[in-house]
Amino acid sequence: MNELGLLENMLVVGALLFGIGLVGLCARRNMIVMFLSAELMLQGVSVSLVGWSRFHNDWGGQMLVIFIIAVAACEAAIALALLVTLFADRGSLDVTLWQSLREDNLPPHVDIEVPEPTDEEPHWPTLTPAGNQPRVDAEKQRHRTHV
C-alpha cells in the first residue's frame, strides 16, 4: 500500500507540473516563458515516468528520463540560440512580432494588435513621500518602565 501511495503522489506532482507548463505555454506570449513552460511539461512527464518505473521495479523509465534530460539540454541550447537571433532581428520576445516567419501563402494571425513603439521617454515609477517624522519625546526614550 505504501508503494501505491508513493505512485499516486508522484503522478499528482507530475500532472501538476505538466498542467502548469501547459497553462504557461498557452497563456503567455513571451518566448522565454513559453520555452520554460515547455521544459516544465517535460519535467512533469519525467516525474511520472520515474514514479511508474519505481512502482514496477524496472529501470526503463529512469533510463528514459536520462534521455529526456539530455534531449532537453540540447533543445535548450538550440532554442536559446534561436531566441537570441530572433531578438536581435526584432528587438522583442513577443510572439506576435514574428509574423513574418510564416509561409508566404498564410495570412498573419492577429490575436491582439501590438502597439506601435513610441519614442517618448519612459515613465518610471516613483515612491510616494513617506511624510513627516514623528516627534519623539527624549525623556521617554531614555527611561523605560519595562522591557
N, C-alpha and C. Protein backbone atom coordinates (compact mmCIF):
# COMPACT_ATOMS: atom_id res chain seq x y z
N MET A 1 0.82 -1.19 0.00
CA MET A 1 0.00 0.00 0.00
C MET A 1 0.87 1.26 0.00
N ASN A 2 2.07 1.18 0.60
CA ASN A 2 2.97 2.32 0.63
C ASN A 2 3.46 2.67 -0.76
N GLU A 3 3.75 1.66 -1.58
CA GLU A 3 4.21 1.91 -2.96
C GLU A 3 3.11 2.54 -3.79
N LEU A 4 1.87 2.14 -3.57
CA LEU A 4 0.76 2.71 -4.32
C LEU A 4 0.55 4.18 -3.95
N GLY A 5 0.70 4.49 -2.66
CA GLY A 5 0.59 5.89 -2.23
C GLY A 5 1.71 6.75 -2.81
N LEU A 6 2.92 6.20 -2.86
CA LEU A 6 4.05 6.93 -3.45
C LEU A 6 3.82 7.16 -4.94
N LEU A 7 3.29 6.14 -5.63
CA LEU A 7 2.99 6.29 -7.05
C LEU A 7 1.95 7.38 -7.27
N GLU A 8 0.90 7.38 -6.45
CA GLU A 8 -0.14 8.40 -6.59
C GLU A 8 0.42 9.80 -6.37
N ASN A 9 1.27 9.94 -5.37
CA ASN A 9 1.87 11.26 -5.10
C ASN A 9 2.74 11.72 -6.27
N MET A 10 3.54 10.81 -6.81
CA MET A 10 4.41 11.19 -7.93
C MET A 10 3.60 11.52 -9.18
N LEU A 11 2.51 10.80 -9.41
CA LEU A 11 1.66 11.09 -10.56
C LEU A 11 0.94 12.42 -10.40
N VAL A 12 0.53 12.74 -9.18
CA VAL A 12 -0.12 14.04 -8.94
C VAL A 12 0.87 15.17 -9.16
N VAL A 13 2.09 15.03 -8.65
CA VAL A 13 3.10 16.07 -8.85
C VAL A 13 3.44 16.21 -10.34
N GLY A 14 3.58 15.08 -11.03
CA GLY A 14 3.85 15.12 -12.46
C GLY A 14 2.72 15.78 -13.23
N ALA A 15 1.47 15.46 -12.87
CA ALA A 15 0.33 16.07 -13.56
C ALA A 15 0.25 17.57 -13.27
N LEU A 16 0.55 17.97 -12.04
CA LEU A 16 0.55 19.40 -11.71
C LEU A 16 1.63 20.15 -12.50
N LEU A 17 2.83 19.58 -12.56
CA LEU A 17 3.90 20.22 -13.34
C LEU A 17 3.51 20.33 -14.81
N PHE A 18 2.95 19.26 -15.35
CA PHE A 18 2.55 19.28 -16.75
C PHE A 18 1.43 20.29 -16.98
N GLY A 19 0.46 20.34 -16.07
CA GLY A 19 -0.65 21.29 -16.22
C GLY A 19 -0.20 22.74 -16.10
N ILE A 20 0.68 23.03 -15.15
CA ILE A 20 1.19 24.40 -15.01
C ILE A 20 1.98 24.79 -16.26
N GLY A 21 2.76 23.85 -16.78
CA GLY A 21 3.51 24.13 -18.00
C GLY A 21 2.59 24.35 -19.19
N LEU A 22 1.51 23.58 -19.29
CA LEU A 22 0.57 23.74 -20.40
C LEU A 22 -0.14 25.08 -20.33
N VAL A 23 -0.55 25.48 -19.14
CA VAL A 23 -1.19 26.80 -18.98
C VAL A 23 -0.21 27.91 -19.32
N GLY A 24 1.03 27.78 -18.87
CA GLY A 24 2.04 28.79 -19.19
C GLY A 24 2.33 28.87 -20.67
N LEU A 25 2.33 27.72 -21.35
CA LEU A 25 2.60 27.71 -22.79
C LEU A 25 1.46 28.34 -23.57
N CYS A 26 0.23 28.10 -23.14
CA CYS A 26 -0.93 28.62 -23.88
C CYS A 26 -1.25 30.07 -23.53
N ALA A 27 -0.95 30.50 -22.33
CA ALA A 27 -1.39 31.81 -21.88
C ALA A 27 -0.38 32.92 -22.10
N ARG A 28 0.86 32.61 -22.28
CA ARG A 28 1.90 33.64 -22.39
C ARG A 28 2.31 33.85 -23.82
N ARG A 29 2.83 35.06 -24.11
CA ARG A 29 3.32 35.38 -25.44
C ARG A 29 4.83 35.63 -25.45
N ASN A 30 5.45 35.68 -24.30
CA ASN A 30 6.90 35.86 -24.23
C ASN A 30 7.56 34.52 -24.53
N MET A 31 8.50 34.53 -25.47
CA MET A 31 9.10 33.27 -25.92
C MET A 31 9.91 32.57 -24.83
N ILE A 32 10.55 33.31 -23.97
CA ILE A 32 11.33 32.67 -22.90
C ILE A 32 10.41 31.97 -21.91
N VAL A 33 9.29 32.61 -21.57
CA VAL A 33 8.33 31.98 -20.65
C VAL A 33 7.70 30.76 -21.31
N MET A 34 7.43 30.85 -22.61
CA MET A 34 6.88 29.70 -23.32
C MET A 34 7.89 28.55 -23.35
N PHE A 35 9.16 28.88 -23.54
CA PHE A 35 10.21 27.87 -23.54
C PHE A 35 10.32 27.20 -22.16
N LEU A 36 10.29 28.01 -21.11
CA LEU A 36 10.37 27.45 -19.75
C LEU A 36 9.14 26.60 -19.43
N SER A 37 7.99 26.99 -19.95
CA SER A 37 6.78 26.19 -19.74
C SER A 37 6.88 24.83 -20.42
N ALA A 38 7.46 24.81 -21.62
CA ALA A 38 7.66 23.52 -22.30
C ALA A 38 8.63 22.64 -21.51
N GLU A 39 9.66 23.24 -20.94
CA GLU A 39 10.59 22.48 -20.10
C GLU A 39 9.89 21.94 -18.85
N LEU A 40 8.99 22.73 -18.29
CA LEU A 40 8.23 22.29 -17.11
C LEU A 40 7.34 21.10 -17.47
N MET A 41 6.78 21.11 -18.67
CA MET A 41 5.98 19.98 -19.11
C MET A 41 6.84 18.72 -19.25
N LEU A 42 8.05 18.87 -19.77
CA LEU A 42 8.96 17.73 -19.88
C LEU A 42 9.31 17.15 -18.50
N GLN A 43 9.50 18.03 -17.53
CA GLN A 43 9.83 17.56 -16.19
C GLN A 43 8.64 16.86 -15.53
N GLY A 44 7.43 17.32 -15.83
CA GLY A 44 6.24 16.64 -15.33
C GLY A 44 6.14 15.22 -15.86
N VAL A 45 6.42 15.05 -17.14
CA VAL A 45 6.43 13.71 -17.73
C VAL A 45 7.54 12.87 -17.10
N SER A 46 8.70 13.48 -16.85
CA SER A 46 9.81 12.75 -16.25
C SER A 46 9.47 12.25 -14.85
N VAL A 47 8.82 13.07 -14.05
CA VAL A 47 8.43 12.64 -12.69
C VAL A 47 7.45 11.47 -12.78
N SER A 48 6.52 11.53 -13.72
CA SER A 48 5.57 10.43 -13.87
C SER A 48 6.27 9.14 -14.32
N LEU A 49 7.23 9.26 -15.24
CA LEU A 49 7.96 8.08 -15.69
C LEU A 49 8.77 7.45 -14.55
N VAL A 50 9.38 8.27 -13.73
CA VAL A 50 10.14 7.74 -12.59
C VAL A 50 9.20 7.05 -11.61
N GLY A 51 8.02 7.63 -11.40
CA GLY A 51 7.04 7.01 -10.50
C GLY A 51 6.60 5.64 -10.99
N TRP A 52 6.27 5.54 -12.28
CA TRP A 52 5.87 4.24 -12.83
C TRP A 52 7.03 3.26 -12.81
N SER A 53 8.23 3.73 -13.08
CA SER A 53 9.39 2.85 -13.08
C SER A 53 9.63 2.28 -11.68
N ARG A 54 9.50 3.12 -10.68
CA ARG A 54 9.69 2.64 -9.31
C ARG A 54 8.59 1.67 -8.91
N PHE A 55 7.37 1.96 -9.34
CA PHE A 55 6.24 1.10 -8.97
C PHE A 55 6.40 -0.30 -9.56
N HIS A 56 6.91 -0.39 -10.79
CA HIS A 56 7.06 -1.69 -11.44
C HIS A 56 8.44 -2.31 -11.21
N ASN A 57 9.28 -1.70 -10.38
CA ASN A 57 10.64 -2.19 -10.10
C ASN A 57 11.42 -2.44 -11.40
N ASP A 58 11.39 -1.42 -12.26
CA ASP A 58 12.05 -1.51 -13.56
C ASP A 58 12.86 -0.24 -13.75
N TRP A 59 14.01 -0.37 -14.42
CA TRP A 59 14.86 0.79 -14.64
C TRP A 59 14.56 1.50 -15.96
N GLY A 60 13.63 0.98 -16.74
CA GLY A 60 13.35 1.53 -18.06
C GLY A 60 12.90 2.98 -18.03
N GLY A 61 12.00 3.31 -17.12
CA GLY A 61 11.50 4.69 -17.03
C GLY A 61 12.58 5.66 -16.60
N GLN A 62 13.44 5.24 -15.69
CA GLN A 62 14.51 6.12 -15.23
C GLN A 62 15.56 6.32 -16.30
N MET A 63 15.82 5.30 -17.11
CA MET A 63 16.76 5.49 -18.22
C MET A 63 16.15 6.42 -19.27
N LEU A 64 14.86 6.30 -19.50
CA LEU A 64 14.20 7.20 -20.44
C LEU A 64 14.24 8.64 -19.96
N VAL A 65 14.15 8.84 -18.65
CA VAL A 65 14.24 10.19 -18.09
C VAL A 65 15.63 10.78 -18.33
N ILE A 66 16.67 9.96 -18.24
CA ILE A 66 18.02 10.45 -18.53
C ILE A 66 18.11 10.92 -19.98
N PHE A 67 17.51 10.17 -20.90
CA PHE A 67 17.49 10.60 -22.30
C PHE A 67 16.67 11.88 -22.47
N ILE A 68 15.56 12.00 -21.74
CA ILE A 68 14.74 13.22 -21.81
C ILE A 68 15.54 14.42 -21.33
N ILE A 69 16.30 14.25 -20.27
CA ILE A 69 17.12 15.36 -19.77
C ILE A 69 18.19 15.74 -20.79
N ALA A 70 18.79 14.74 -21.44
CA ALA A 70 19.81 15.05 -22.46
C ALA A 70 19.19 15.77 -23.65
N VAL A 71 18.02 15.32 -24.10
CA VAL A 71 17.34 15.99 -25.21
C VAL A 71 16.91 17.40 -24.81
N ALA A 72 16.47 17.57 -23.57
CA ALA A 72 16.06 18.90 -23.10
C ALA A 72 17.25 19.85 -23.06
N ALA A 73 18.42 19.34 -22.71
CA ALA A 73 19.61 20.20 -22.69
C ALA A 73 19.98 20.63 -24.10
N CYS A 74 19.91 19.71 -25.05
CA CYS A 74 20.19 20.06 -26.45
C CYS A 74 19.15 21.04 -26.98
N GLU A 75 17.91 20.79 -26.64
CA GLU A 75 16.83 21.70 -27.07
C GLU A 75 17.02 23.08 -26.48
N ALA A 76 17.46 23.15 -25.24
CA ALA A 76 17.67 24.45 -24.60
C ALA A 76 18.76 25.24 -25.31
N ALA A 77 19.82 24.57 -25.69
CA ALA A 77 20.90 25.27 -26.39
C ALA A 77 20.44 25.79 -27.74
N ILE A 78 19.73 24.97 -28.49
CA ILE A 78 19.25 25.39 -29.82
C ILE A 78 18.19 26.48 -29.69
N ALA A 79 17.26 26.32 -28.75
CA ALA A 79 16.18 27.30 -28.59
C ALA A 79 16.72 28.65 -28.13
N LEU A 80 17.66 28.64 -27.22
CA LEU A 80 18.20 29.92 -26.76
C LEU A 80 19.01 30.62 -27.85
N ALA A 81 19.72 29.85 -28.67
CA ALA A 81 20.42 30.46 -29.80
C ALA A 81 19.43 31.07 -30.78
N LEU A 82 18.32 30.37 -31.02
CA LEU A 82 17.27 30.89 -31.90
C LEU A 82 16.63 32.14 -31.31
N LEU A 83 16.38 32.12 -30.01
CA LEU A 83 15.77 33.29 -29.36
C LEU A 83 16.68 34.51 -29.42
N VAL A 84 17.97 34.30 -29.23
CA VAL A 84 18.91 35.43 -29.30
C VAL A 84 18.94 36.01 -30.71
N THR A 85 18.92 35.14 -31.71
CA THR A 85 18.92 35.60 -33.10
C THR A 85 17.65 36.36 -33.43
N LEU A 86 16.50 35.82 -33.01
CA LEU A 86 15.23 36.49 -33.30
C LEU A 86 15.09 37.79 -32.52
N PHE A 87 15.61 37.83 -31.31
CA PHE A 87 15.56 39.07 -30.54
C PHE A 87 16.44 40.14 -31.19
N ALA A 88 17.59 39.74 -31.70
CA ALA A 88 18.45 40.71 -32.38
C ALA A 88 17.79 41.24 -33.65
N ASP A 89 16.97 40.40 -34.29
CA ASP A 89 16.30 40.82 -35.52
C ASP A 89 15.11 41.73 -35.23
N ARG A 90 14.28 41.40 -34.24
CA ARG A 90 13.05 42.14 -33.98
C ARG A 90 13.14 43.11 -32.80
N GLY A 91 13.98 42.83 -31.85
CA GLY A 91 14.09 43.70 -30.68
C GLY A 91 13.07 43.42 -29.61
N SER A 92 12.35 42.31 -29.71
CA SER A 92 11.35 41.95 -28.71
C SER A 92 11.21 40.44 -28.68
N LEU A 93 10.71 39.93 -27.58
CA LEU A 93 10.47 38.50 -27.45
C LEU A 93 8.99 38.15 -27.56
N ASP A 94 8.17 39.10 -27.99
CA ASP A 94 6.74 38.87 -28.15
C ASP A 94 6.50 38.05 -29.41
N VAL A 95 5.70 37.01 -29.30
CA VAL A 95 5.46 36.09 -30.40
C VAL A 95 4.75 36.79 -31.56
N THR A 96 3.89 37.74 -31.29
CA THR A 96 3.10 38.37 -32.34
C THR A 96 3.95 39.21 -33.29
N LEU A 97 5.14 39.60 -32.88
CA LEU A 97 6.00 40.39 -33.76
C LEU A 97 6.71 39.54 -34.81
N TRP A 98 6.60 38.23 -34.70
CA TRP A 98 7.32 37.35 -35.60
C TRP A 98 6.41 36.75 -36.66
N GLN A 99 5.42 37.52 -37.12
CA GLN A 99 4.51 37.03 -38.14
C GLN A 99 5.19 36.82 -39.48
N SER A 100 6.30 37.52 -39.70
CA SER A 100 6.98 37.38 -40.99
C SER A 100 7.67 36.03 -41.13
N LEU A 101 7.73 35.24 -40.08
CA LEU A 101 8.35 33.92 -40.16
C LEU A 101 7.39 32.88 -40.76
N ARG A 102 6.14 33.29 -40.99
CA ARG A 102 5.17 32.37 -41.58
C ARG A 102 5.48 32.16 -43.06
N GLU A 103 4.84 31.17 -43.63
CA GLU A 103 4.98 30.96 -45.06
C GLU A 103 4.26 32.07 -45.80
N ASP A 104 4.65 32.30 -47.04
CA ASP A 104 4.09 33.42 -47.80
C ASP A 104 2.61 33.26 -48.10
N ASN A 105 2.11 32.03 -48.23
CA ASN A 105 0.71 31.84 -48.59
C ASN A 105 -0.23 31.88 -47.39
N LEU A 106 0.29 31.99 -46.17
CA LEU A 106 -0.55 32.04 -44.97
C LEU A 106 -0.76 33.48 -44.53
N PRO A 107 -2.00 33.83 -44.21
CA PRO A 107 -2.22 35.19 -43.71
C PRO A 107 -1.73 35.30 -42.27
N PRO A 108 -1.31 36.49 -41.84
CA PRO A 108 -0.85 36.63 -40.45
C PRO A 108 -2.01 36.48 -39.47
N HIS A 109 -1.75 35.80 -38.40
CA HIS A 109 -2.74 35.63 -37.34
C HIS A 109 -2.57 36.77 -36.35
N VAL A 110 -3.62 37.56 -36.15
CA VAL A 110 -3.55 38.70 -35.25
C VAL A 110 -4.46 38.40 -34.06
N ASP A 111 -3.86 38.14 -32.93
CA ASP A 111 -4.63 37.89 -31.71
C ASP A 111 -4.99 39.22 -31.06
N ILE A 112 -4.01 40.00 -30.74
CA ILE A 112 -4.17 41.34 -30.18
C ILE A 112 -3.17 42.22 -30.89
N GLU A 113 -3.63 43.36 -31.33
CA GLU A 113 -2.73 44.27 -32.04
C GLU A 113 -1.60 44.71 -31.12
N VAL A 114 -0.40 44.71 -31.62
CA VAL A 114 0.75 45.17 -30.86
C VAL A 114 0.84 46.67 -31.05
N PRO A 115 0.93 47.43 -29.96
CA PRO A 115 1.02 48.89 -30.12
C PRO A 115 2.33 49.28 -30.79
N GLU A 116 2.26 50.37 -31.54
CA GLU A 116 3.45 50.87 -32.21
C GLU A 116 4.44 51.40 -31.17
N PRO A 117 5.71 51.18 -31.37
CA PRO A 117 6.70 51.70 -30.40
C PRO A 117 6.74 53.22 -30.46
N THR A 118 6.83 53.83 -29.31
CA THR A 118 6.89 55.29 -29.23
C THR A 118 8.30 55.71 -28.83
N ASP A 119 8.65 56.91 -29.23
CA ASP A 119 9.98 57.43 -28.92
C ASP A 119 9.98 58.30 -27.67
N GLU A 120 8.88 58.37 -26.97
CA GLU A 120 8.83 59.22 -25.78
C GLU A 120 9.60 58.57 -24.63
N GLU A 121 9.99 59.41 -23.71
CA GLU A 121 10.78 58.96 -22.56
C GLU A 121 9.90 58.07 -21.68
N PRO A 122 10.41 56.92 -21.21
CA PRO A 122 9.59 56.06 -20.37
C PRO A 122 9.30 56.72 -19.02
N HIS A 123 8.12 56.43 -18.51
CA HIS A 123 7.71 56.98 -17.22
C HIS A 123 8.07 55.95 -16.15
N TRP A 124 9.04 56.28 -15.34
CA TRP A 124 9.49 55.37 -14.30
C TRP A 124 8.67 55.61 -13.04
N PRO A 125 8.30 54.55 -12.33
CA PRO A 125 7.52 54.73 -11.10
C PRO A 125 8.37 55.38 -10.01
N THR A 126 7.72 56.17 -9.18
CA THR A 126 8.40 56.81 -8.06
C THR A 126 7.68 56.44 -6.78
N LEU A 127 8.40 56.49 -5.70
CA LEU A 127 7.81 56.22 -4.40
C LEU A 127 7.12 57.47 -3.89
N THR A 128 6.04 57.26 -3.19
CA THR A 128 5.34 58.40 -2.60
C THR A 128 6.13 58.88 -1.39
N PRO A 129 6.05 60.17 -1.07
CA PRO A 129 6.77 60.66 0.11
C PRO A 129 6.23 59.98 1.36
N ALA A 130 7.14 59.71 2.27
CA ALA A 130 6.76 58.98 3.48
C ALA A 130 6.06 59.87 4.50
N GLY A 131 6.24 61.15 4.43
CA GLY A 131 5.59 62.04 5.39
C GLY A 131 6.59 62.62 6.37
N ASN A 132 6.06 63.25 7.39
CA ASN A 132 6.92 63.87 8.41
C ASN A 132 7.34 62.84 9.44
N GLN A 133 8.51 63.06 9.98
CA GLN A 133 8.98 62.19 11.05
C GLN A 133 8.17 62.48 12.31
N PRO A 134 7.77 61.45 13.04
CA PRO A 134 7.03 61.69 14.28
C PRO A 134 7.93 62.30 15.35
N ARG A 135 7.32 63.11 16.17
CA ARG A 135 8.09 63.70 17.28
C ARG A 135 8.33 62.63 18.33
N VAL A 136 9.57 62.56 18.80
CA VAL A 136 9.94 61.58 19.80
C VAL A 136 10.31 62.34 21.07
N ASP A 137 9.66 61.97 22.19
CA ASP A 137 9.97 62.58 23.47
C ASP A 137 11.28 61.97 23.98
N ALA A 138 12.30 62.79 24.16
CA ALA A 138 13.62 62.30 24.57
C ALA A 138 13.58 61.68 25.95
N GLU A 139 12.74 62.19 26.83
CA GLU A 139 12.65 61.65 28.20
C GLU A 139 12.09 60.23 28.18
N LYS A 140 11.08 59.99 27.37
CA LYS A 140 10.50 58.65 27.30
C LYS A 140 11.45 57.68 26.60
N GLN A 141 12.27 58.20 25.74
CA GLN A 141 13.19 57.33 25.03
C GLN A 141 14.32 56.86 25.94
N ARG A 142 14.75 57.71 26.88
CA ARG A 142 15.82 57.33 27.80
C ARG A 142 15.33 56.43 28.92
N HIS A 143 14.08 56.62 29.38
CA HIS A 143 13.58 55.89 30.53
C HIS A 143 12.45 54.95 30.08
N ARG A 144 12.65 53.64 30.32
CA ARG A 144 11.60 52.65 30.02
C ARG A 144 11.18 52.02 31.33
N THR A 145 9.88 51.94 31.54
CA THR A 145 9.40 51.34 32.78
C THR A 145 9.47 49.81 32.72
N HIS A 146 9.40 49.26 31.53
CA HIS A 146 9.50 47.81 31.39
C HIS A 146 10.22 47.51 30.08
N VAL A 147 10.74 46.30 30.01
CA VAL A 147 11.46 45.88 28.81
C VAL A 147 10.71 44.75 28.16
